[in-house]
Structure formats: C-alpha cells, structure tokens
Amino acid sequence: MSTGNGQLDVPRFWKSSGLHLVTPNENGWLNVTADFLRAYFTRPEVHPIEGSCTNEIALFEALLDDPFLAVGDDQLARIADPDAADNYRIVLAYRDVLAKAATLEGAYLALMRAGSISVPPVFIDQLVHIILANMLRDCTDPIRLRAAELFFREQSVSTEDGMMMLADHEIVEMQAETSGGGIGQLLAETGTPAREVALDVLDEDNEADYWDRSDRFDTVIDMRHTRPANNALARVIEIWLRHFLGLDVNVQPARSIKDQAWRWHIGLDRDATEILNHLYNGADVAEADQQRILALYSMEIADKSRIIPDVAGKPVYLGLAMTAAKRVRLKPQNLLTNLPLAAAAS
C-alpha cells in the first residue's frame, strides 16, 4: 500500500531500509526519487565537514536542491580535498546508474548484468534491502523475513552439536568484542548494556519478538533441512524471481541431488557454485567440502517456454554453502543472471 502522496507505507519491519523514500510505479517496481538520492548525498563520506572548502559546500547544497543535477569533472576538480572529490565521483556514478534506470530494480539488474560490479558493495546490499522490504511488505512470517536477511547481510555459521545456526556476521563480531576490549570496553565506559548486542535464536515460540528488533539484525536461525528457516528461504527465492522476472517457480528443500538427468544448477554463493560444479562434472569432492553445503533446493519453473529446451521440464538445483571460515555471503544476483532462460525470455 502507499500513502496519498504516492509514497509507500513503512512496514512493521526493516524501517532502516529507506522504503519511505521511494514510490512504486505501475508495475510495482520502485521509482528512483529525489529523496532517495538525497540520502546518499548526506552520507558521512559525502556530507561536508568543518574545514570543507566553499566549492565543496556549494556542490553539496546544489545537489540537495536537485539530486539529479549534472556535475562535470571541472566542478569536482575545484574541490580542495581530493578524497572528498573521489567520494563525490563514486556517489555520482552510482546516482547516474540509478537515474538512467529510473527504478531501483532496473538499476540492480543493470549493475548485475554489466559483468563487473562498478559501485561499492554496500550500495548493492542497500538496494537489495529496500527492494526486499517492498517485496515482503505484507509478509506476516518473521522467520521468512529473517531468512530474507541472507540476501543482503553476511552470516556466520555455527555447526556445534549438529546444529546449523546462522547469525549476522557483523553482530557476531560486535558481540565477540563486548567480552573484552574494543566495543566491549566502549560499552562499559558509556554505560551501554552489553545485552543490546545479544543474539537469540528465532523460532516458533518467540518469533513475535522479531517485529521490535528486525533492524538490529540480532536473531539467529536454524537452517537445517527440517527447520522452518530452510523452507522460508525457498519462499523468498520464489518471490524474488516473480518480482524481477515475472517467473513463477516452485522451490522445495532437498537433502541431496540424486538425478541421472541433472541438467542445471545455480550456486547461491561462490563456494556453492564451485562445489556444485565439481559434483556435476563427476569430480571427487572431499567430504569436508560437501559438509559445507548448508541448503539444497530443487526448483521447478512453471512456464517451460521461457527455459532452454534442454532444461525445460527438469529441475534446476540451487545450493547455499559456507566458506571454510564458516561464513555465508548469498549472492541473489545469481538467481537472475544464471537461470537457463531461453533467448526470447531473457
């Protein structure tokens, strides 16, 4: 839903996504708005500081007035601080991608299909965050929302006692530091309670707690095959493909791939791609590497005319894996760029 001025209502979760800064178009994609761009010009890397030169301040004020304003190299060259000028170049290059695409989804697709990422990774994560907030705005399942965090936030994995627990990597690092120096010492000095970075397992008994803490990213999910989070991630994948490609798919968790007619697979991260490639090619894969697979899925695509003939009617297997250091960085763009789409469909 949207407000009377065309802006989207802020959902119960992920208020930090910036969804209130954009408006939907007739297809449900998110328009690039002046308010959305202003949020980038007020980032600490760009916002003038005490001592910024008059040219930098003038450019900043001009961009706040018109975030779509064309800025020439000569204007950036007049900024006294070369680091500040470089920061403007980065943000303006990103601004230009957004403006050309007109929608956040169009910009994301353009960036992912370009072959190499030309903007800071944090900007990509922020795009995915806000796009997912819109896609899932009517979601009433906290575990599905927590599973969706994998699309834009790196995870740490704990496999102790046969479990498969995923926690936000940034929060895990923060929690680790609260036990000694660093943030822990800072919390003690400022009187901030360490419980603010505590991690709790999200399950059916306490899932309602997610609504009040979703922007803290401090809940943990169990990704084992039989657990709700594993299935919830499958549902997010379905919604992602429907939103971007208008592609109806059915994604179901799988324990293993036992398919003599295996035709296609997509790794949802770099490690899963490498492991699945080796398995597909019949290469020996060490047991330790196979154990790094956290989730497997079998995906059926309803409209067979949109798929290359060799794959039509056959499942596409999806895999998610952790690194040797027990980290997970899901790449949602792989779902959009590695599908076996027929030429006309793509």
Protein backbone atom coordinates (compact mmCIF):
# COMPACT_ATOMS: atom_id res chain seq x y z
CA MET A 1 0.00 0.00 0.00
CA SER A 2 1.00 3.63 -0.47
CA THR A 3 0.09 6.90 1.16
CA GLY A 4 -1.92 9.61 -0.54
CA ASN A 5 1.25 11.25 -1.87
CA GLY A 6 2.32 8.06 -3.60
CA GLN A 7 4.93 7.09 -1.01
CA LEU A 8 4.86 3.60 0.44
CA ASP A 9 3.71 2.97 3.98
CA VAL A 10 6.57 1.94 6.23
CA PRO A 11 6.11 -1.75 7.12
CA ARG A 12 6.44 -3.19 10.61
CA PHE A 13 9.98 -4.32 9.91
CA TRP A 14 13.25 -3.01 8.40
CA LYS A 15 12.46 0.66 8.89
CA SER A 16 16.12 1.29 8.10
CA SER A 17 15.62 0.07 4.52
CA GLY A 18 14.57 3.53 3.33
CA LEU A 19 11.29 2.35 1.82
CA HIS A 20 9.65 5.62 2.88
CA LEU A 21 11.93 7.49 0.47
CA VAL A 22 10.60 5.89 -2.73
CA THR A 23 7.36 5.48 -4.65
CA PRO A 24 6.09 2.48 -6.65
CA ASN A 25 5.44 2.57 -10.38
CA GLU A 26 2.51 0.88 -12.10
CA ASN A 27 4.38 -2.44 -12.19
CA GLY A 28 5.26 -2.43 -8.50
CA TRP A 29 8.92 -1.55 -9.02
CA LEU A 30 10.41 1.32 -7.04
CA ASN A 31 10.99 4.70 -8.65
CA VAL A 32 14.29 6.49 -8.11
CA THR A 33 13.22 9.61 -6.26
CA ALA A 34 14.97 12.82 -5.26
CA ASP A 35 14.55 11.90 -1.59
CA PHE A 36 16.23 8.54 -2.15
CA LEU A 37 19.23 10.21 -3.80
CA ARG A 38 19.46 12.85 -1.08
CA ALA A 39 20.04 10.05 1.43
CA TYR A 40 23.30 9.24 -0.36
CA PHE A 41 24.45 12.86 -0.53
CA THR A 42 24.01 13.17 3.23
CA ARG A 43 26.14 10.10 3.97
CA PRO A 44 29.15 10.86 6.23
CA GLU A 45 31.56 10.19 3.34
CA VAL A 46 29.98 12.99 1.31
CA HIS A 47 28.47 15.45 3.78
CA PRO A 48 30.74 18.50 4.24
CA ILE A 49 32.64 18.77 7.48
CA GLU A 50 34.22 21.66 9.31
CA GLY A 51 37.02 22.81 7.05
CA SER A 52 35.36 21.79 3.76
CA CYS A 53 36.08 24.32 1.03
CA THR A 54 33.42 26.66 -0.36
CA ASN A 55 33.28 24.76 -3.67
CA GLU A 56 32.51 21.50 -1.89
CA ILE A 57 29.81 23.13 0.23
CA ALA A 58 28.28 24.80 -2.83
CA LEU A 59 28.15 21.48 -4.70
CA PHE A 60 26.61 19.73 -1.72
CA GLU A 61 23.89 22.36 -1.39
CA ALA A 62 23.19 22.29 -5.13
CA LEU A 63 22.78 18.51 -5.07
CA LEU A 64 20.45 18.65 -2.09
CA ASP A 65 18.34 21.14 -4.03
CA ASP A 66 18.42 18.99 -7.21
CA PRO A 67 19.82 15.47 -6.68
CA PHE A 68 19.62 14.82 -10.44
CA LEU A 69 21.84 17.82 -11.22
CA ALA A 70 24.53 17.14 -13.84
CA VAL A 71 28.00 17.56 -12.36
CA GLY A 72 31.08 17.99 -14.55
CA ASP A 73 34.62 16.89 -13.86
CA ASP A 74 35.63 20.55 -13.68
CA GLN A 75 33.34 21.06 -10.69
CA LEU A 76 34.86 18.11 -8.85
CA ALA A 77 38.37 19.31 -9.68
CA ARG A 78 37.65 22.54 -7.81
CA ILE A 79 37.11 20.67 -4.52
CA ALA A 80 40.19 21.24 -2.37
CA ASP A 81 40.16 17.82 -0.65
CA PRO A 82 40.97 15.12 -3.24
CA ASP A 83 39.45 12.39 -1.05
CA ALA A 84 36.18 14.31 -0.87
CA ALA A 85 36.24 14.74 -4.64
CA ASP A 86 36.75 10.99 -5.09
CA ASN A 87 33.81 10.26 -2.78
CA TYR A 88 31.62 12.51 -4.89
CA ARG A 89 32.75 10.72 -8.05
CA ILE A 90 31.74 7.35 -6.58
CA VAL A 91 28.33 8.53 -5.36
CA LEU A 92 27.60 10.47 -8.54
CA ALA A 93 28.50 7.48 -10.71
CA TYR A 94 26.04 5.40 -8.70
CA ARG A 95 23.47 8.22 -8.93
CA ASP A 96 23.83 8.17 -12.71
CA VAL A 97 23.15 4.42 -12.85
CA LEU A 98 20.04 4.90 -10.76
CA ALA A 99 18.80 7.87 -12.75
CA LYS A 100 19.32 6.13 -16.09
CA ALA A 101 17.41 3.04 -14.93
CA ALA A 102 14.62 5.12 -13.34
CA THR A 103 13.77 2.25 -10.95
CA LEU A 104 15.79 0.54 -8.23
CA GLU A 105 15.11 -2.87 -9.75
CA GLY A 106 16.20 -1.69 -13.19
CA ALA A 107 19.41 -0.29 -11.71
CA TYR A 108 20.10 -3.52 -9.83
CA LEU A 109 19.65 -5.60 -12.98
CA ALA A 110 21.86 -3.24 -14.98
CA LEU A 111 24.62 -3.45 -12.38
CA MET A 112 24.42 -7.24 -12.10
CA ARG A 113 24.38 -7.80 -15.86
CA ALA A 114 27.30 -5.45 -16.50
CA GLY A 115 29.81 -8.24 -15.84
CA SER A 116 31.65 -6.43 -13.06
CA ILE A 117 30.39 -4.50 -10.05
CA SER A 118 31.24 -0.82 -10.50
CA VAL A 119 29.87 0.53 -7.21
CA PRO A 120 30.72 -0.19 -3.56
CA PRO A 121 29.23 -3.50 -2.35
CA VAL A 122 27.43 -1.71 0.50
CA PHE A 123 25.34 0.15 -2.10
CA ILE A 124 24.31 -3.17 -3.66
CA ASP A 125 23.30 -4.56 -0.27
CA GLN A 126 21.25 -1.43 0.39
CA LEU A 127 19.48 -1.85 -2.95
CA VAL A 128 18.60 -5.45 -2.15
CA HIS A 129 17.45 -4.41 1.33
CA ILE A 130 14.95 -1.84 0.11
CA ILE A 131 13.73 -3.96 -2.82
CA LEU A 132 13.08 -6.90 -0.48
CA ALA A 133 11.34 -4.62 2.02
CA ASN A 134 8.90 -3.73 -0.74
CA MET A 135 8.51 -7.29 -1.99
CA LEU A 136 7.84 -8.62 1.51
CA ARG A 137 5.95 -5.64 2.87
CA ASP A 138 2.80 -7.72 3.53
CA CYS A 139 4.69 -10.69 4.99
CA THR A 140 3.42 -11.87 8.36
CA ASP A 141 6.05 -14.59 8.91
CA PRO A 142 9.03 -13.31 10.93
CA ILE A 143 11.12 -16.38 10.12
CA ARG A 144 10.68 -15.71 6.40
CA LEU A 145 11.82 -12.13 6.94
CA ARG A 146 14.83 -13.31 8.93
CA ALA A 147 15.72 -15.78 6.17
CA ALA A 148 15.49 -12.91 3.68
CA GLU A 149 18.27 -11.11 5.57
CA LEU A 150 20.67 -13.58 3.94
CA PHE A 151 20.11 -11.72 0.67
CA PHE A 152 21.83 -8.56 1.92
CA ARG A 153 23.73 -9.36 5.13
CA GLU A 154 26.68 -11.72 5.58
CA GLN A 155 26.16 -14.55 8.08
CA SER A 156 28.34 -16.53 10.46
CA VAL A 157 27.62 -20.23 10.89
CA SER A 158 27.81 -22.40 13.99
CA THR A 159 27.69 -26.18 13.48
CA GLU A 160 28.28 -27.27 17.06
CA ASP A 161 26.27 -30.25 18.32
CA GLY A 162 24.96 -31.00 14.84
CA MET A 163 23.19 -27.66 14.60
CA MET A 164 23.32 -25.25 11.66
CA MET A 165 22.82 -21.84 13.23
CA LEU A 166 23.15 -18.65 11.18
CA ALA A 167 23.80 -15.29 12.85
CA ASP A 168 24.51 -11.90 11.36
CA HIS A 169 28.28 -11.69 10.93
CA GLU A 170 28.56 -8.02 11.87
CA ILE A 171 26.60 -8.60 15.07
CA VAL A 172 28.64 -11.71 15.91
CA GLU A 173 31.82 -9.67 15.59
CA MET A 174 30.32 -6.95 17.76
CA GLN A 175 29.25 -9.48 20.38
CA ALA A 176 32.72 -11.04 20.43
CA GLU A 177 34.26 -7.66 21.15
CA THR A 178 31.92 -7.00 24.08
CA SER A 179 33.76 -9.64 26.10
CA GLY A 180 36.98 -7.64 26.21
CA GLY A 181 38.40 -4.55 24.60
CA GLY A 182 37.09 -2.65 21.62
CA ILE A 183 33.33 -2.30 21.67
CA GLY A 184 33.11 -4.15 24.98
CA GLN A 185 35.27 -1.56 26.66
CA LEU A 186 33.36 1.24 24.96
CA LEU A 187 30.04 -0.14 26.18
CA ALA A 188 31.35 -0.31 29.71
CA GLU A 189 32.68 3.25 29.59
CA THR A 190 29.43 4.67 28.23
CA GLY A 191 27.19 2.60 30.45
CA THR A 192 25.55 0.87 27.49
CA PRO A 193 24.34 -2.62 28.46
CA ALA A 194 26.00 -5.45 26.52
CA ARG A 195 22.63 -7.15 26.11
CA GLU A 196 21.95 -4.75 23.22
CA VAL A 197 24.16 -6.95 21.07
CA ALA A 198 22.89 -10.26 22.44
CA LEU A 199 21.91 -12.95 19.93
CA ASP A 200 18.75 -15.00 20.34
CA VAL A 201 17.55 -17.99 18.34
CA LEU A 202 14.34 -17.16 16.48
CA ASP A 203 11.79 -19.97 16.47
CA GLU A 204 8.06 -20.58 16.61
CA ASP A 205 7.95 -19.75 20.33
CA ASN A 206 9.46 -16.26 20.18
CA GLU A 207 9.05 -15.23 16.53
CA ALA A 208 6.81 -12.29 17.52
CA ASP A 209 9.90 -10.65 19.06
CA TYR A 210 11.25 -10.08 15.54
CA TRP A 211 8.95 -7.13 14.85
CA ASP A 212 10.58 -4.94 17.51
CA ARG A 213 14.17 -5.96 16.77
CA SER A 214 14.26 -6.50 12.99
CA ASP A 215 16.55 -3.51 12.41
CA ARG A 216 19.01 -4.80 14.99
CA PHE A 217 19.72 -7.96 12.94
CA ASP A 218 20.44 -9.82 16.15
CA THR A 219 18.40 -13.01 15.80
CA VAL A 220 19.70 -16.46 14.89
CA ILE A 221 18.04 -19.06 12.66
CA ASP A 222 18.50 -22.81 12.33
CA MET A 223 18.98 -23.69 8.65
CA ARG A 224 18.82 -27.47 8.96
CA HIS A 225 16.77 -29.22 6.31
CA THR A 226 13.78 -29.84 8.58
CA ARG A 227 13.61 -26.39 10.15
CA PRO A 228 11.24 -23.55 9.14
CA ALA A 229 14.04 -21.18 8.13
CA ASN A 230 15.21 -23.59 5.43
CA ASN A 231 11.75 -23.63 3.90
CA ALA A 232 11.35 -19.88 4.44
CA LEU A 233 14.40 -19.14 2.29
CA ALA A 234 12.80 -21.13 -0.52
CA ARG A 235 9.74 -18.90 -0.36
CA VAL A 236 11.88 -15.76 -0.57
CA ILE A 237 13.59 -17.15 -3.68
CA GLU A 238 10.18 -17.70 -5.29
CA ILE A 239 9.10 -14.12 -4.54
CA TRP A 240 12.43 -12.70 -5.78
CA LEU A 241 12.12 -14.39 -9.18
CA ARG A 242 8.46 -13.47 -9.56
CA HIS A 243 9.15 -9.82 -8.76
CA PHE A 244 12.14 -9.37 -11.07
CA LEU A 245 11.37 -11.73 -13.95
CA GLY A 246 7.66 -12.46 -13.68
CA LEU A 247 8.74 -16.08 -13.39
CA ASP A 248 6.57 -18.48 -11.39
CA VAL A 249 8.68 -21.18 -9.77
CA ASN A 250 8.24 -23.80 -7.09
CA VAL A 251 11.24 -24.22 -4.80
CA GLN A 252 11.44 -27.17 -2.41
CA PRO A 253 14.20 -28.14 0.04
CA ALA A 254 16.22 -31.20 -0.96
CA ARG A 255 18.54 -33.43 1.06
CA SER A 256 20.76 -34.37 -1.87
CA ILE A 257 20.93 -34.44 -5.66
CA LYS A 258 20.35 -37.94 -6.98
CA ASP A 259 19.43 -37.21 -10.56
CA GLN A 260 20.85 -39.02 -13.57
CA ALA A 261 19.31 -36.31 -15.78
CA TRP A 262 20.85 -33.42 -13.84
CA ARG A 263 20.91 -30.53 -16.32
CA TRP A 264 21.28 -27.24 -14.46
CA HIS A 265 22.26 -25.82 -11.10
CA ILE A 266 22.85 -22.42 -9.56
CA GLY A 267 25.16 -21.77 -6.64
CA LEU A 268 23.76 -19.07 -4.42
CA ASP A 269 27.29 -18.11 -3.41
CA ARG A 270 30.83 -18.63 -4.66
CA ASP A 271 31.55 -21.75 -2.59
CA ALA A 272 28.29 -23.49 -3.50
CA THR A 273 28.94 -22.74 -7.18
CA GLU A 274 32.36 -24.37 -7.00
CA ILE A 275 31.13 -27.43 -5.08
CA LEU A 276 28.12 -28.00 -7.33
CA ASN A 277 30.25 -27.58 -10.45
CA HIS A 278 32.62 -30.30 -9.22
CA LEU A 279 29.75 -32.64 -8.36
CA TYR A 280 28.06 -32.03 -11.71
CA ASN A 281 31.29 -32.81 -13.57
CA GLY A 282 31.79 -36.04 -11.61
CA ALA A 283 34.89 -34.80 -9.81
CA ASP A 284 35.81 -36.04 -6.36
CA VAL A 285 34.67 -33.62 -3.68
CA ALA A 286 36.12 -34.02 -0.20
CA GLU A 287 33.62 -34.91 2.50
CA ALA A 288 34.59 -31.77 4.40
CA ASP A 289 33.66 -29.66 1.38
CA GLN A 290 30.37 -31.46 0.90
CA GLN A 291 29.59 -30.74 4.55
CA ARG A 292 29.87 -27.02 3.80
CA ILE A 293 26.61 -27.17 1.83
CA LEU A 294 24.02 -25.59 4.14
CA ALA A 295 20.94 -25.91 1.96
CA LEU A 296 19.89 -27.59 -1.28
CA TYR A 297 16.75 -26.87 -3.26
CA SER A 298 15.00 -28.27 -6.29
CA MET A 299 13.29 -25.60 -8.38
CA GLU A 300 10.61 -26.23 -10.97
CA ILE A 301 9.79 -23.49 -13.49
CA ALA A 302 6.14 -23.42 -14.48
CA ASP A 303 6.40 -21.81 -17.93
CA LYS A 304 8.58 -24.21 -19.90
CA SER A 305 8.58 -21.92 -22.92
CA ARG A 306 10.80 -19.50 -21.03
CA ILE A 307 13.54 -22.09 -20.48
CA ILE A 308 16.07 -23.51 -22.92
CA PRO A 309 14.79 -26.80 -24.38
CA ASP A 310 17.46 -28.96 -22.76
CA VAL A 311 16.31 -27.90 -19.27
CA ALA A 312 12.57 -27.43 -19.82
CA GLY A 313 10.62 -29.82 -17.61
CA LYS A 314 13.67 -30.68 -15.50
CA PRO A 315 14.52 -29.29 -12.05
CA VAL A 316 17.07 -26.54 -11.51
CA TYR A 317 19.08 -27.27 -8.37
CA LEU A 318 20.08 -24.49 -6.02
CA GLY A 319 22.78 -24.67 -3.36
CA LEU A 320 23.93 -22.50 -0.49
CA ALA A 321 27.28 -23.13 1.19
CA MET A 322 29.55 -21.66 3.83
CA THR A 323 33.21 -20.85 3.40
CA ALA A 324 35.94 -22.77 5.20
CA ALA A 325 35.84 -19.93 7.74
CA LYS A 326 32.11 -20.64 8.31
CA ARG A 327 30.79 -17.50 6.65
CA VAL A 328 27.90 -17.18 4.18
CA ARG A 329 27.54 -14.44 1.59
CA LEU A 330 24.47 -15.18 -0.51
CA LYS A 331 24.51 -13.60 -3.99
CA PRO A 332 20.89 -13.02 -5.02
CA GLN A 333 22.03 -11.79 -8.42
CA ASN A 334 22.98 -15.40 -9.30
CA LEU A 335 19.28 -16.24 -9.38
CA LEU A 336 18.73 -13.57 -12.02
CA THR A 337 21.84 -13.95 -14.17
CA ASN A 338 22.40 -17.73 -14.13
CA LEU A 339 18.95 -19.05 -15.00
CA PRO A 340 18.65 -21.22 -18.13
CA LEU A 341 16.35 -18.71 -19.79
CA ALA A 342 15.58 -19.02 -23.49
CA ALA A 343 16.91 -16.11 -25.56
CA ALA A 344 13.45 -14.58 -26.10
CA ALA A 345 12.62 -14.87 -22.37
CA SER A 346 15.84 -13.22 -21.20
